[in-house]
Amino acid sequence: MQMKKSLLILFLTLATLIVNAQIVRIDTLKSKIVYNPTKKSSVNEIAYHYSLAVKALTIQQFPKVFKQLNADDFIQSPLNGLMFKFNDNQISYRISGDYYYKKDYTFQNECLDCETMTGQFTNYSLRIGFEKNMNISTIQPYFAFDIGYNNNRFKGDAKNASQINFTTPYEANSRKKSVVAAPALGIKFNLIHHVTVGLEGGIDFLFTYETQEKAFKDAQRTRTFQKFNKFESLMKPISMLSLQYNFSQED
């Protein structure tokens, strides 16, 4: 019993000394932090609620038209879209749209000596998705995933590509309506306050409903109509080279 009392007294004594050791008169301390009101925060220390991006350049494949031979070619399209982002820490939720139009779109159909098609080509898409930043430094790699809708249309004329009488010339009309899933990888450069440059590449997976209509220029004005459901995958080496403006700074 006497031993327990001695240990209790020793414990209380030590506890009192430890507590007293933690008490410091704050009026005797000097701060080592120097406040400089003229010093500006670095680019990396600032977070913004919203971003608006202009797609300055895209290099991509477009959905195949009829039996187009050069469907695997990459097409450049400058200034073809916009993207709006809601930023939440290292995740951004994004809405984007893009549009491509070419008045004189010419390609070989079926085979090199079979048909030449010339007409107007349009392609537009609307998407929603997210991107996840890997860090918060000046250079930010990220991955992204979008889902959306793609509409592709060609309207023009087909004629024989050579002296071989392969087909009767006809008016061609093709349309593809697609559901899109698009994973992507990218990198962003925070150049100055409010301004970011981004580079992104990926692949589009499309489930497509396609209609093809032909109106032949013969005496009977013969017409044919076909429809298909198919899967397509389109490579996008540069799905977006963007200039991004960030605004609404977080408190």
Protein backbone atom coordinates (compact mmCIF):
# COMPACT_ATOMS: atom_id res chain seq x y z
CA MET A 1 0.00 0.00 0.00
CA GLN A 2 2.83 2.35 0.90
CA MET A 3 4.49 1.52 -2.42
CA LYS A 4 1.32 2.44 -4.37
CA LYS A 5 1.13 5.80 -2.57
CA SER A 6 4.79 6.51 -3.36
CA LEU A 7 4.29 5.69 -7.05
CA LEU A 8 1.15 7.86 -7.20
CA ILE A 9 3.00 10.81 -5.68
CA LEU A 10 5.89 10.31 -8.14
CA PHE A 11 3.48 10.14 -11.10
CA LEU A 12 1.67 13.33 -10.06
CA THR A 13 4.96 15.12 -9.59
CA LEU A 14 6.19 14.14 -13.04
CA ALA A 15 2.88 15.09 -14.62
CA THR A 16 3.03 18.52 -13.00
CA LEU A 17 6.55 19.09 -14.28
CA ILE A 18 5.57 18.05 -17.83
CA VAL A 19 2.54 20.36 -17.86
CA ASN A 20 4.59 23.28 -16.53
CA ALA A 21 7.19 22.59 -19.21
CA GLN A 22 4.54 23.08 -21.90
CA ILE A 23 3.49 26.51 -20.57
CA VAL A 24 5.42 29.25 -22.31
CA ARG A 25 4.86 32.95 -22.04
CA ILE A 26 3.80 33.92 -25.54
CA ASP A 27 4.60 37.57 -24.95
CA THR A 28 8.30 36.67 -24.84
CA LEU A 29 8.28 34.90 -28.24
CA LYS A 30 9.18 36.49 -31.53
CA SER A 31 7.63 35.29 -34.76
CA LYS A 32 9.97 34.12 -37.49
CA ILE A 33 7.28 34.63 -40.13
CA VAL A 34 7.63 37.86 -42.07
CA TYR A 35 4.46 39.08 -43.79
CA ASN A 36 5.02 40.71 -47.12
CA PRO A 37 1.76 42.13 -48.51
CA THR A 38 3.32 42.68 -51.92
CA LYS A 39 4.21 38.99 -52.40
CA LYS A 40 1.86 37.23 -54.83
CA SER A 41 0.73 33.62 -54.56
CA SER A 42 2.25 31.16 -56.98
CA VAL A 43 0.21 29.73 -59.84
CA ASN A 44 0.00 26.38 -58.05
CA GLU A 45 -1.44 27.84 -54.83
CA ILE A 46 -4.54 29.24 -56.56
CA ALA A 47 -7.61 27.14 -57.28
CA TYR A 48 -10.48 28.20 -59.52
CA HIS A 49 -14.09 27.06 -59.56
CA TYR A 50 -14.58 27.18 -63.34
CA SER A 51 -12.62 26.90 -66.59
CA LEU A 52 -13.48 27.65 -70.21
CA ALA A 53 -11.34 25.99 -72.89
CA VAL A 54 -11.09 26.57 -76.64
CA LYS A 55 -10.09 23.54 -78.73
CA ALA A 56 -7.36 25.10 -80.84
CA LEU A 57 -6.47 21.94 -82.77
CA THR A 58 -7.70 18.37 -83.16
CA ILE A 59 -6.08 15.53 -85.14
CA GLN A 60 -8.41 12.55 -85.36
CA GLN A 61 -10.16 9.88 -87.39
CA PHE A 62 -13.80 10.37 -88.37
CA PRO A 63 -16.46 7.68 -88.80
CA LYS A 64 -16.26 5.83 -92.11
CA VAL A 65 -18.59 6.97 -94.93
CA PHE A 66 -20.06 4.15 -97.07
CA LYS A 67 -17.03 1.97 -97.99
CA GLN A 68 -14.50 4.79 -97.90
CA LEU A 69 -10.93 3.64 -98.58
CA ASN A 70 -9.04 6.33 -96.63
CA ALA A 71 -11.19 6.18 -93.49
CA ASP A 72 -8.08 5.51 -91.38
CA ASP A 73 -6.49 8.84 -92.36
CA PHE A 74 -6.07 11.51 -89.66
CA ILE A 75 -7.79 14.83 -90.28
CA GLN A 76 -6.74 18.15 -88.76
CA SER A 77 -9.46 20.51 -87.59
CA PRO A 78 -8.48 23.84 -85.96
CA LEU A 79 -10.73 25.87 -83.64
CA ASN A 80 -13.52 23.32 -83.73
CA GLY A 81 -14.91 23.21 -80.19
CA LEU A 82 -15.44 24.50 -76.65
CA MET A 83 -15.26 22.92 -73.20
CA PHE A 84 -16.61 24.14 -69.85
CA LYS A 85 -15.33 22.71 -66.55
CA PHE A 86 -16.51 22.66 -62.92
CA ASN A 87 -13.36 22.24 -60.81
CA ASP A 88 -13.45 20.39 -57.49
CA ASN A 89 -9.95 19.94 -56.00
CA GLN A 90 -8.10 17.59 -58.38
CA ILE A 91 -11.25 16.48 -60.25
CA SER A 92 -12.93 18.52 -62.97
CA TYR A 93 -16.38 17.75 -64.37
CA ARG A 94 -16.60 18.84 -67.98
CA ILE A 95 -19.07 19.52 -70.78
CA SER A 96 -17.78 19.81 -74.34
CA GLY A 97 -18.93 20.16 -77.90
CA ASP A 98 -17.18 20.24 -81.26
CA TYR A 99 -18.12 20.68 -84.90
CA TYR A 100 -16.35 19.86 -88.17
CA TYR A 101 -17.55 20.87 -91.63
CA LYS A 102 -15.98 20.35 -95.06
CA LYS A 103 -17.79 21.48 -98.20
CA ASP A 104 -15.67 19.59 -100.72
CA TYR A 105 -15.11 16.17 -99.19
CA THR A 106 -13.78 13.69 -101.77
CA PHE A 107 -12.79 10.05 -101.38
CA GLN A 108 -12.58 6.75 -103.23
CA ASN A 109 -15.36 4.28 -102.50
CA GLU A 110 -15.31 0.48 -102.83
CA CYS A 111 -11.88 0.45 -104.60
CA LEU A 112 -9.45 2.89 -106.24
CA ASP A 113 -10.95 2.37 -109.71
CA CYS A 114 -14.55 1.93 -108.58
CA GLU A 115 -16.27 5.11 -107.35
CA THR A 116 -15.31 8.68 -106.54
CA MET A 117 -17.57 10.43 -104.04
CA THR A 118 -17.69 14.21 -103.64
CA GLY A 119 -19.95 16.19 -101.36
CA GLN A 120 -20.43 17.91 -98.01
CA PHE A 121 -19.29 16.28 -94.78
CA THR A 122 -20.28 17.29 -91.25
CA ASN A 123 -19.46 15.80 -87.87
CA TYR A 124 -20.43 17.12 -84.43
CA SER A 125 -20.48 15.73 -80.91
CA LEU A 126 -21.70 16.63 -77.43
CA ARG A 127 -20.10 15.05 -74.35
CA ILE A 128 -19.99 15.09 -70.57
CA GLY A 129 -17.33 13.55 -68.37
CA PHE A 130 -14.54 14.19 -65.90
CA GLU A 131 -10.78 14.53 -65.65
CA LYS A 132 -8.58 13.62 -62.67
CA ASN A 133 -5.32 15.47 -62.12
CA MET A 134 -2.32 13.47 -60.86
CA ASN A 135 -0.83 16.41 -58.95
CA ILE A 136 -1.16 20.16 -58.38
CA SER A 137 2.18 21.31 -59.81
CA THR A 138 2.84 23.56 -62.80
CA ILE A 139 2.81 20.51 -65.08
CA GLN A 140 -0.27 18.36 -64.43
CA PRO A 141 -0.74 14.95 -66.10
CA TYR A 142 -4.31 13.67 -65.95
CA PHE A 143 -6.67 11.01 -67.23
CA ALA A 144 -10.21 11.66 -68.47
CA PHE A 145 -13.36 9.84 -69.50
CA ASP A 146 -16.31 11.19 -71.48
CA ILE A 147 -19.60 9.80 -72.73
CA GLY A 148 -21.84 11.45 -75.28
CA TYR A 149 -23.49 11.65 -78.67
CA ASN A 150 -21.90 11.90 -82.13
CA ASN A 151 -23.62 12.79 -85.41
CA ASN A 152 -21.88 12.25 -88.74
CA ARG A 153 -23.33 13.03 -92.17
CA PHE A 154 -22.25 12.93 -95.81
CA LYS A 155 -24.35 14.21 -98.70
CA GLY A 156 -22.98 14.20 -102.24
CA ASP A 157 -22.61 12.43 -105.57
CA ALA A 158 -20.89 9.23 -106.69
CA LYS A 159 -19.49 8.59 -110.16
CA ASN A 160 -17.16 6.13 -111.84
CA ALA A 161 -13.55 6.61 -110.81
CA SER A 162 -12.13 5.50 -114.19
CA GLN A 163 -13.13 4.44 -117.67
CA ILE A 164 -14.52 1.23 -116.22
CA ASN A 165 -18.30 1.39 -116.01
CA PHE A 166 -18.48 0.23 -112.40
CA THR A 167 -21.74 1.95 -111.42
CA THR A 168 -24.51 4.21 -112.55
CA PRO A 169 -23.86 7.67 -111.04
CA TYR A 170 -26.03 8.36 -108.03
CA GLU A 171 -26.80 10.81 -105.26
CA ALA A 172 -25.53 9.56 -101.91
CA ASN A 173 -26.78 10.33 -98.43
CA SER A 174 -25.24 8.75 -95.33
CA ARG A 175 -25.87 9.48 -91.67
CA LYS A 176 -24.47 7.96 -88.48
CA LYS A 177 -25.87 8.56 -85.01
CA SER A 178 -23.62 7.19 -82.31
CA VAL A 179 -23.28 6.74 -78.57
CA VAL A 180 -19.66 7.44 -77.60
CA ALA A 181 -17.37 6.33 -74.75
CA ALA A 182 -14.02 8.11 -74.81
CA PRO A 183 -11.09 7.47 -72.42
CA ALA A 184 -8.15 9.88 -72.73
CA LEU A 185 -4.79 10.89 -71.26
CA GLY A 186 -3.54 14.45 -71.15
CA ILE A 187 -1.18 16.98 -69.68
CA LYS A 188 -1.74 20.60 -68.66
CA PHE A 189 0.72 23.47 -68.27
CA ASN A 190 -0.25 26.25 -65.86
CA LEU A 191 1.58 29.11 -67.56
CA ILE A 192 0.35 32.14 -65.61
CA HIS A 193 -2.57 33.03 -63.36
CA HIS A 194 -5.89 32.19 -65.06
CA VAL A 195 -4.26 30.64 -68.16
CA THR A 196 -3.59 26.93 -68.83
CA VAL A 197 -2.51 25.11 -72.00
CA GLY A 198 -3.64 21.48 -72.38
CA LEU A 199 -2.75 18.59 -74.67
CA GLU A 200 -4.92 15.45 -74.74
CA GLY A 201 -5.12 12.26 -76.79
CA GLY A 202 -7.38 9.24 -76.65
CA ILE A 203 -9.69 6.86 -78.45
CA ASP A 204 -13.42 6.92 -79.18
CA PHE A 205 -15.57 3.81 -78.97
CA LEU A 206 -18.83 4.22 -80.90
CA PHE A 207 -21.99 2.17 -81.10
CA THR A 208 -23.59 3.45 -84.29
CA TYR A 209 -26.93 3.43 -86.07
CA GLU A 210 -26.22 4.15 -89.75
CA THR A 211 -28.48 4.81 -92.73
CA GLN A 212 -27.34 4.83 -96.37
CA GLU A 213 -29.51 6.09 -99.19
CA LYS A 214 -28.72 6.07 -102.92
CA ALA A 215 -30.74 7.76 -105.68
CA PHE A 216 -29.40 6.53 -109.05
CA LYS A 217 -29.39 8.83 -112.05
CA ASP A 218 -31.03 6.35 -114.38
CA ALA A 219 -34.31 6.53 -116.28
CA GLN A 220 -36.23 4.91 -113.43
CA ARG A 221 -34.52 7.06 -110.73
CA THR A 222 -33.94 3.89 -108.72
CA ARG A 223 -33.56 4.38 -104.98
CA THR A 224 -32.05 2.08 -102.38
CA PHE A 225 -32.06 2.37 -98.61
CA GLN A 226 -30.01 0.40 -96.06
CA LYS A 227 -29.51 0.62 -92.31
CA PHE A 228 -26.89 -0.90 -90.03
CA ASN A 229 -25.88 -1.18 -86.38
CA LYS A 230 -22.15 -1.44 -85.80
CA PHE A 231 -19.24 -0.77 -83.45
CA GLU A 232 -16.36 1.53 -84.43
CA SER A 233 -13.19 2.71 -82.74
CA LEU A 234 -11.52 5.98 -83.76
CA MET A 235 -8.00 7.05 -82.81
CA LYS A 236 -7.37 10.64 -81.70
CA PRO A 237 -3.62 11.33 -81.38
CA ILE A 238 -4.54 14.91 -80.45
CA SER A 239 -8.14 14.96 -79.37
CA MET A 240 -7.64 18.43 -77.96
CA LEU A 241 -4.89 21.06 -77.96
CA SER A 242 -6.60 23.67 -75.82
CA LEU A 243 -6.17 27.14 -74.40
CA GLN A 244 -7.99 27.32 -71.06
CA TYR A 245 -9.08 30.36 -69.05
CA ASN A 246 -9.70 29.76 -65.32
CA PHE A 247 -11.95 32.03 -63.26
CA SER A 248 -13.89 32.43 -59.98
CA GLN A 249 -11.00 31.98 -57.55
CA GLU A 250 -11.60 29.94 -54.40
CA ASP A 251 -11.38 31.77 -51.06
